[in-house]
PDB file of N, CA and C in Angstrom:
ATOM      1  N   MET A   1      28.044  43.394  -9.229  1.00  0.00           N
ATOM      2  CA  MET A   1      28.487  42.021  -8.614  1.00  0.00           C
ATOM      3  C   MET A   1      27.359  40.920  -8.556  1.00  0.00           C
ATOM      4  N   ALA A   2      27.280  39.899  -8.916  1.00  0.00           N
ATOM      5  CA  ALA A   2      26.251  38.902  -8.724  1.00  0.00           C
ATOM      6  C   ALA A   2      26.635  38.007  -7.663  1.00  0.00           C
ATOM      7  N   ALA A   3      25.550  37.485  -7.057  1.00  0.00           N
ATOM      8  CA  ALA A   3      25.970  36.618  -5.945  1.00  0.00           C
ATOM      9  C   ALA A   3      25.019  35.176  -6.050  1.00  0.00           C
ATOM     10  N   LEU A   4      25.576  34.516  -5.708  1.00  0.00           N
ATOM     11  CA  LEU A   4      24.506  32.908  -5.777  1.00  0.00           C
ATOM     12  C   LEU A   4      24.339  32.547  -4.212  1.00  0.00           C
ATOM     13  N   ASP A   5      23.106  32.584  -3.968  1.00  0.00           N
ATOM     14  CA  ASP A   5      22.851  32.091  -2.637  1.00  0.00           C
ATOM     15  C   ASP A   5      22.106  30.645  -2.589  1.00  0.00           C
ATOM     16  N   ASN A   6      22.569  29.695  -2.147  1.00  0.00           N
ATOM     17  CA  ASN A   6      21.824  28.423  -2.255  1.00  0.00           C
ATOM     18  C   ASN A   6      21.676  28.032  -0.778  1.00  0.00           C
ATOM     19  N   THR A   7      20.346  28.235  -0.474  1.00  0.00           N
ATOM     20  CA  THR A   7      19.969  27.948   0.797  1.00  0.00           C
ATOM     21  C   THR A   7      19.685  26.474   1.181  1.00  0.00           C
ATOM     22  N   ARG A   8      19.808  25.593   0.272  1.00  0.00           N
ATOM     23  CA  ARG A   8      19.442  24.097   0.521  1.00  0.00           C
ATOM     24  C   ARG A   8      20.592  23.595   1.030  1.00  0.00           C
ATOM     25  N   SER A   9      20.470  22.816   1.964  1.00  0.00           N
ATOM     26  CA  SER A   9      21.786  22.065   2.609  1.00  0.00           C
ATOM     27  C   SER A   9      21.983  20.676   1.758  1.00  0.00           C
ATOM     28  N   ALA A  10      22.902  19.887   2.071  1.00  0.00           N
ATOM     29  CA  ALA A  10      23.232  18.651   1.266  1.00  0.00           C
ATOM     30  C   ALA A  10      22.101  17.597   1.977  1.00  0.00           C
ATOM     31  N   GLY A  11      21.640  17.693   2.968  1.00  0.00           N
ATOM     32  CA  GLY A  11      20.740  16.854   3.746  1.00  0.00           C
ATOM     33  C   GLY A  11      19.364  16.990   2.928  1.00  0.00           C
ATOM     34  N   SER A  12      19.022  18.083   2.774  1.00  0.00           N
ATOM     35  CA  SER A  12      17.602  18.240   2.172  1.00  0.00           C
ATOM     36  C   SER A  12      17.747  17.729   0.771  1.00  0.00           C
ATOM     37  N   VAL A  13      18.727  18.085   0.123  1.00  0.00           N
ATOM     38  CA  VAL A  13      18.798  17.463  -1.362  1.00  0.00           C
ATOM     39  C   VAL A  13      18.864  15.816  -1.472  1.00  0.00           C
ATOM     40  N   ALA A  14      19.471  15.381  -0.392  1.00  0.00           N
ATOM     41  CA  ALA A  14      19.548  13.932  -0.251  1.00  0.00           C
ATOM     42  C   ALA A  14      18.180  13.530   0.202  1.00  0.00           C
ATOM     43  N   LEU A  15      17.405  14.144   1.129  1.00  0.00           N
ATOM     44  CA  LEU A  15      16.111  13.755   1.470  1.00  0.00           C
ATOM     45  C   LEU A  15      15.160  13.721   0.194  1.00  0.00           C
ATOM     46  N   ASN A  16      15.236  14.824  -0.545  1.00  0.00           N
ATOM     47  CA  ASN A  16      14.402  15.060  -1.840  1.00  0.00           C
ATOM     48  C   ASN A  16      14.868  14.076  -2.856  1.00  0.00           C
ATOM     49  N   GLY A  17      16.097  13.712  -3.055  1.00  0.00           N
ATOM     50  CA  GLY A  17      16.292  12.778  -3.888  1.00  0.00           C
ATOM     51  C   GLY A  17      15.941  11.323  -3.522  1.00  0.00           C
ATOM     52  N   GLY A  18      15.858  11.078  -2.314  1.00  0.00           N
ATOM     53  CA  GLY A  18      15.560   9.780  -1.843  1.00  0.00           C
ATOM     54  C   GLY A  18      14.022   9.766  -2.234  1.00  0.00           C
ATOM     55  N   ARG A  19      13.239  10.576  -1.838  1.00  0.00           N
ATOM     56  CA  ARG A  19      11.737  10.673  -2.204  1.00  0.00           C
ATOM     57  C   ARG A  19      11.599  10.124  -3.553  1.00  0.00           C
ATOM     58  N   VAL A  20      12.417  10.876  -4.556  1.00  0.00           N
ATOM     59  CA  VAL A  20      12.197  10.867  -5.845  1.00  0.00           C
ATOM     60  C   VAL A  20      12.647   9.448  -6.272  1.00  0.00           C
ATOM     61  N   ALA A  21      13.511   8.928  -5.649  1.00  0.00           N
ATOM     62  CA  ALA A  21      13.807   7.425  -5.908  1.00  0.00           C
ATOM     63  C   ALA A  21      12.900   6.447  -5.207  1.00  0.00           C
ATOM     64  N   ARG A  22      12.422   6.462  -4.150  1.00  0.00           N
ATOM     65  CA  ARG A  22      11.244   5.888  -3.791  1.00  0.00           C
ATOM     66  C   ARG A  22       9.905   5.850  -4.715  1.00  0.00           C
ATOM     67  N   PHE A  23       9.590   7.004  -4.985  1.00  0.00           N
ATOM     68  CA  PHE A  23       8.730   7.109  -6.083  1.00  0.00           C
ATOM     69  C   PHE A  23       8.752   6.390  -7.398  1.00  0.00           C
ATOM     70  N   PHE A  24       9.951   6.515  -7.791  1.00  0.00           N
ATOM     71  CA  PHE A  24      10.220   5.802  -9.223  1.00  0.00           C
ATOM     72  C   PHE A  24      10.452   4.250  -8.874  1.00  0.00           C
ATOM     73  N   ALA A  25      10.893   3.888  -7.581  1.00  0.00           N
ATOM     74  CA  ALA A  25      10.998   2.512  -7.378  1.00  0.00           C
ATOM     75  C   ALA A  25       9.809   1.865  -6.996  1.00  0.00           C
ATOM     76  N   GLY A  26       8.712   2.707  -6.546  1.00  0.00           N
ATOM     77  CA  GLY A  26       7.324   2.319  -6.288  1.00  0.00           C
ATOM     78  C   GLY A  26       6.721   1.998  -7.760  1.00  0.00           C
ATOM     79  N   ILE A  27       7.021   2.787  -8.750  1.00  0.00           N
ATOM     80  CA  ILE A  27       6.324   2.726 -10.119  1.00  0.00           C
ATOM     81  C   ILE A  27       6.872   1.475 -10.697  1.00  0.00           C
ATOM     82  N   VAL A  28       8.258   1.189 -10.390  1.00  0.00           N
ATOM     83  CA  VAL A  28       8.877   0.025 -11.001  1.00  0.00           C
ATOM     84  C   VAL A  28       8.344  -1.360 -10.414  1.00  0.00           C
ATOM     85  N   ALA A  29       7.962  -1.312  -9.020  1.00  0.00           N
ATOM     86  CA  ALA A  29       7.532  -2.288  -8.311  1.00  0.00           C
ATOM     87  C   ALA A  29       5.929  -2.559  -8.766  1.00  0.00           C
ATOM     88  N   ALA A  30       5.170  -1.543  -9.143  1.00  0.00           N
ATOM     89  CA  ALA A  30       3.859  -1.862  -9.482  1.00  0.00           C
ATOM     90  C   ALA A  30       4.014  -2.578 -11.002  1.00  0.00           C
ATOM     91  N   VAL A  31       4.922  -1.935 -11.668  1.00  0.00           N
ATOM     92  CA  VAL A  31       4.735  -2.655 -13.000  1.00  0.00           C
ATOM     93  C   VAL A  31       5.142  -3.772 -13.198  1.00  0.00           C
ATOM     94  N   ALA A  32       6.095  -4.481 -12.221  1.00  0.00           N
ATOM     95  CA  ALA A  32       6.816  -5.515 -12.179  1.00  0.00           C
ATOM     96  C   ALA A  32       5.453  -6.452 -11.591  1.00  0.00           C
ATOM     97  N   ALA A  33       4.749  -6.041 -10.613  1.00  0.00           N
ATOM     98  CA  ALA A  33       3.658  -6.974 -10.167  1.00  0.00           C
ATOM     99  C   ALA A  33       2.808  -6.973 -11.035  1.00  0.00           C
ATOM    100  N   TRP A  34       2.217  -6.100 -11.794  1.00  0.00           N
ATOM    101  CA  TRP A  34       1.421  -6.027 -13.035  1.00  0.00           C
ATOM    102  C   TRP A  34       1.941  -7.197 -14.140  1.00  0.00           C
ATOM    103  N   ASN A  35       3.084  -7.213 -14.182  1.00  0.00           N
ATOM    104  CA  ASN A  35       3.718  -8.020 -15.308  1.00  0.00           C
ATOM    105  C   ASN A  35       3.649  -9.371 -14.631  1.00  0.00           C
ATOM    106  N   ASP A  36       4.032  -9.634 -13.586  1.00  0.00           N
ATOM    107  CA  ASP A  36       3.793 -11.182 -12.992  1.00  0.00           C
ATOM    108  C   ASP A  36       2.543 -11.713 -12.902  1.00  0.00           C
ATOM    109  N   ALA A  37       1.526 -10.539 -12.652  1.00  0.00           N
ATOM    110  CA  ALA A  37       0.008 -11.095 -12.608  1.00  0.00           C
ATOM    111  C   ALA A  37      -0.500 -11.423 -14.172  1.00  0.00           C
ATOM    112  N   ARG A  38       0.066 -10.724 -14.970  1.00  0.00           N
ATOM    113  CA  ARG A  38      -0.322 -10.835 -16.322  1.00  0.00           C
ATOM    114  C   ARG A  38       0.228 -12.085 -16.967  1.00  0.00           C
ATOM    115  N   VAL A  39       1.440 -12.709 -16.621  1.00  0.00           N
ATOM    116  CA  VAL A  39       2.177 -13.713 -17.151  1.00  0.00           C
ATOM    117  C   VAL A  39       1.497 -15.054 -16.431  1.00  0.00           C
ATOM    118  N   THR A  40       1.300 -14.952 -15.108  1.00  0.00           N
ATOM    119  CA  THR A  40       0.734 -15.948 -14.298  1.00  0.00           C
ATOM    120  C   THR A  40      -0.784 -16.292 -14.960  1.00  0.00           C
ATOM    121  N   ARG A  41      -1.506 -15.286 -15.168  1.00  0.00           N
ATOM    122  CA  ARG A  41      -2.728 -15.353 -15.946  1.00  0.00           C
ATOM    123  C   ARG A  41      -2.923 -16.270 -17.013  1.00  0.00           C
ATOM    124  N   ASN A  42      -1.875 -15.656 -17.890  1.00  0.00           N
ATOM    125  CA  ASN A  42      -1.776 -16.218 -19.273  1.00  0.00           C
ATOM    126  C   ASN A  42      -1.231 -17.693 -19.254  1.00  0.00           C
ATOM    127  N   ALA A  43      -0.497 -17.936 -18.358  1.00  0.00           N
ATOM    128  CA  ALA A  43       0.079 -19.361 -18.106  1.00  0.00           C
ATOM    129  C   ALA A  43      -0.885 -20.244 -17.722  1.00  0.00           C
ATOM    130  N   LEU A  44      -1.765 -19.759 -16.794  1.00  0.00           N
ATOM    131  CA  LEU A  44      -3.078 -20.574 -16.467  1.00  0.00           C
ATOM    132  C   LEU A  44      -4.173 -20.584 -17.286  1.00  0.00           C
ATOM    133  N   ALA A  45      -4.389 -19.785 -18.164  1.00  0.00           N
ATOM    134  CA  ALA A  45      -5.378 -19.577 -19.128  1.00  0.00           C
ATOM    135  C   ALA A  45      -5.125 -20.845 -20.267  1.00  0.00           C
ATOM    136  N   ARG A  46      -3.734 -20.776 -20.423  1.00  0.00           N
ATOM    137  CA  ARG A  46      -3.374 -21.904 -21.526  1.00  0.00           C
ATOM    138  C   ARG A  46      -3.721 -23.210 -21.068  1.00  0.00           C
ATOM    139  N   LEU A  47      -3.476 -23.446 -19.877  1.00  0.00           N
ATOM    140  CA  LEU A  47      -3.887 -25.034 -19.618  1.00  0.00           C
ATOM    141  C   LEU A  47      -5.226 -25.344 -19.850  1.00  0.00           C
ATOM    142  N   SER A  48      -5.460 -26.598 -20.083  1.00  0.00           N
ATOM    143  CA  SER A  48      -6.612 -27.307 -20.317  1.00  0.00           C
ATOM    144  C   SER A  48      -7.421 -27.466 -19.010  1.00  0.00           C
ATOM    145  N   ASP A  49      -8.773 -27.715 -19.170  1.00  0.00           N
ATOM    146  CA  ASP A  49      -9.344 -27.977 -17.742  1.00  0.00           C
ATOM    147  C   ASP A  49      -8.987 -29.297 -17.186  1.00  0.00           C
ATOM    148  N   ARG A  50      -8.491 -30.106 -17.792  1.00  0.00           N
ATOM    149  CA  ARG A  50      -7.865 -31.426 -17.226  1.00  0.00           C
ATOM    150  C   ARG A  50      -6.491 -30.966 -16.528  1.00  0.00           C
ATOM    151  N   GLU A  51      -5.767 -30.226 -17.150  1.00  0.00           N
ATOM    152  CA  GLU A  51      -4.558 -29.770 -16.284  1.00  0.00           C
ATOM    153  C   GLU A  51      -5.028 -28.965 -15.080  1.00  0.00           C
ATOM    154  N   LEU A  52      -5.636 -28.098 -15.385  1.00  0.00           N
ATOM    155  CA  LEU A  52      -6.145 -27.240 -14.086  1.00  0.00           C
ATOM    156  C   LEU A  52      -6.823 -28.128 -13.137  1.00  0.00           C
ATOM    157  N   ASP A  53      -7.596 -29.017 -13.494  1.00  0.00           N
ATOM    158  CA  ASP A  53      -8.050 -29.914 -12.435  1.00  0.00           C
ATOM    159  C   ASP A  53      -6.942 -31.014 -11.790  1.00  0.00           C
ATOM    160  N   ASP A  54      -5.927 -31.071 -12.467  1.00  0.00           N
ATOM    161  CA  ASP A  54      -4.838 -31.991 -11.736  1.00  0.00           C
ATOM    162  C   ASP A  54      -3.833 -31.309 -10.844  1.00  0.00           C
ATOM    163  N   ILE A  55      -4.094 -29.808 -10.847  1.00  0.00           N
ATOM    164  CA  ILE A  55      -3.369 -29.140  -9.909  1.00  0.00           C
ATOM    165  C   ILE A  55      -4.470 -28.442  -8.886  1.00  0.00           C
ATOM    166  N   GLY A  56      -5.920 -28.829  -9.151  1.00  0.00           N
ATOM    167  CA  GLY A  56      -6.734 -28.364  -7.927  1.00  0.00           C
ATOM    168  C   GLY A  56      -7.316 -27.220  -8.366  1.00  0.00           C
ATOM    169  N   LEU A  57      -7.452 -26.856  -9.558  1.00  0.00           N
ATOM    170  CA  LEU A  57      -7.992 -25.445  -9.879  1.00  0.00           C
ATOM    171  C   LEU A  57      -9.086 -25.741 -11.041  1.00  0.00           C
ATOM    172  N   CYS A  58     -10.091 -24.756 -11.087  1.00  0.00           N
ATOM    173  CA  CYS A  58     -11.051 -24.599 -12.188  1.00  0.00           C
ATOM    174  C   CYS A  58     -10.702 -23.404 -12.792  1.00  0.00           C
ATOM    175  N   ARG A  59     -11.199 -23.125 -13.955  1.00  0.00           N
ATOM    176  CA  ARG A  59     -10.999 -22.027 -14.758  1.00  0.00           C
ATOM    177  C   ARG A  59     -11.603 -20.697 -13.929  1.00  0.00           C
ATOM    178  N   ALA A  60     -12.732 -20.802 -12.951  1.00  0.00           N
ATOM    179  CA  ALA A  60     -12.848 -19.841 -12.431  1.00  0.00           C
ATOM    180  C   ALA A  60     -12.200 -19.305 -11.120  1.00  0.00           C
ATOM    181  N   ASP A  61     -11.198 -20.196 -10.918  1.00  0.00           N
ATOM    182  CA  ASP A  61     -10.200 -19.799  -9.751  1.00  0.00           C
ATOM    183  C   ASP A  61      -9.008 -18.927 -10.347  1.00  0.00           C
ATOM    184  N   ILE A  62      -8.864 -18.681 -11.608  1.00  0.00           N
ATOM    185  CA  ILE A  62      -7.587 -18.077 -12.098  1.00  0.00           C
ATOM    186  C   ILE A  62      -7.768 -16.791 -11.621  1.00  0.00           C
ATOM    187  N   ASP A  63      -8.896 -15.858 -11.849  1.00  0.00           N
ATOM    188  CA  ASP A  63      -9.219 -14.545 -11.288  1.00  0.00           C
ATOM    189  C   ASP A  63      -8.896 -14.527  -9.885  1.00  0.00           C
ATOM    190  N   GLN A  64      -9.101 -15.239  -9.142  1.00  0.00           N
ATOM    191  CA  GLN A  64      -9.093 -15.229  -7.613  1.00  0.00           C
ATOM    192  C   GLN A  64      -7.703 -15.390  -7.134  1.00  0.00           C
ATOM    193  N   ILE A  65      -6.886 -16.019  -7.934  1.00  0.00           N
ATOM    194  CA  ILE A  65      -5.540 -16.493  -7.589  1.00  0.00           C
ATOM    195  C   ILE A  65      -4.798 -15.005  -8.044  1.00  0.00           C
ATOM    196  N   ILE A  66      -5.221 -14.598  -9.014  1.00  0.00           N
ATOM    197  CA  ILE A  66      -4.372 -13.149  -9.453  1.00  0.00           C
ATOM    198  C   ILE A  66      -4.820 -12.087  -8.740  1.00  0.00           C
ATOM    199  N   ALA A  67      -5.762 -12.186  -8.095  1.00  0.00           N
ATOM    200  CA  ALA A  67      -6.340 -10.990  -7.163  1.00  0.00           C
ATOM    201  C   ALA A  67      -5.616 -10.896  -5.738  1.00  0.00           C
ATOM    202  N   ARG A  68      -5.250 -12.281  -5.541  1.00  0.00           N
ATOM    203  CA  ARG A  68      -4.582 -12.228  -4.061  1.00  0.00           C
ATOM    204  C   ARG A  68      -3.165 -11.999  -4.098  1.00  0.00           C
ATOM    205  N   ARG A  69      -2.475 -11.864  -5.313  1.00  0.00           N
ATOM    206  CA  ARG A  69      -1.145 -11.562  -5.511  1.00  0.00           C
ATOM    207  C   ARG A  69      -0.911 -10.182  -4.847  1.00  0.00           C
TER     208      ARG A  69
END
């Protein structure tokens, strides 16, 4: 006769599932932040020096702005 003994309670499964969900949510958030920085960098890089000057930036400021995010 075979017996199945499951020693994990529902609480421990939910706790572990929450950790996994937070792990993947962190990955998704990191990818989203990277993509936002990439889009911002590309948009600013496409502006002319005159347009950057109009908004109070120079080309060297682009990397600093992206690093602050």
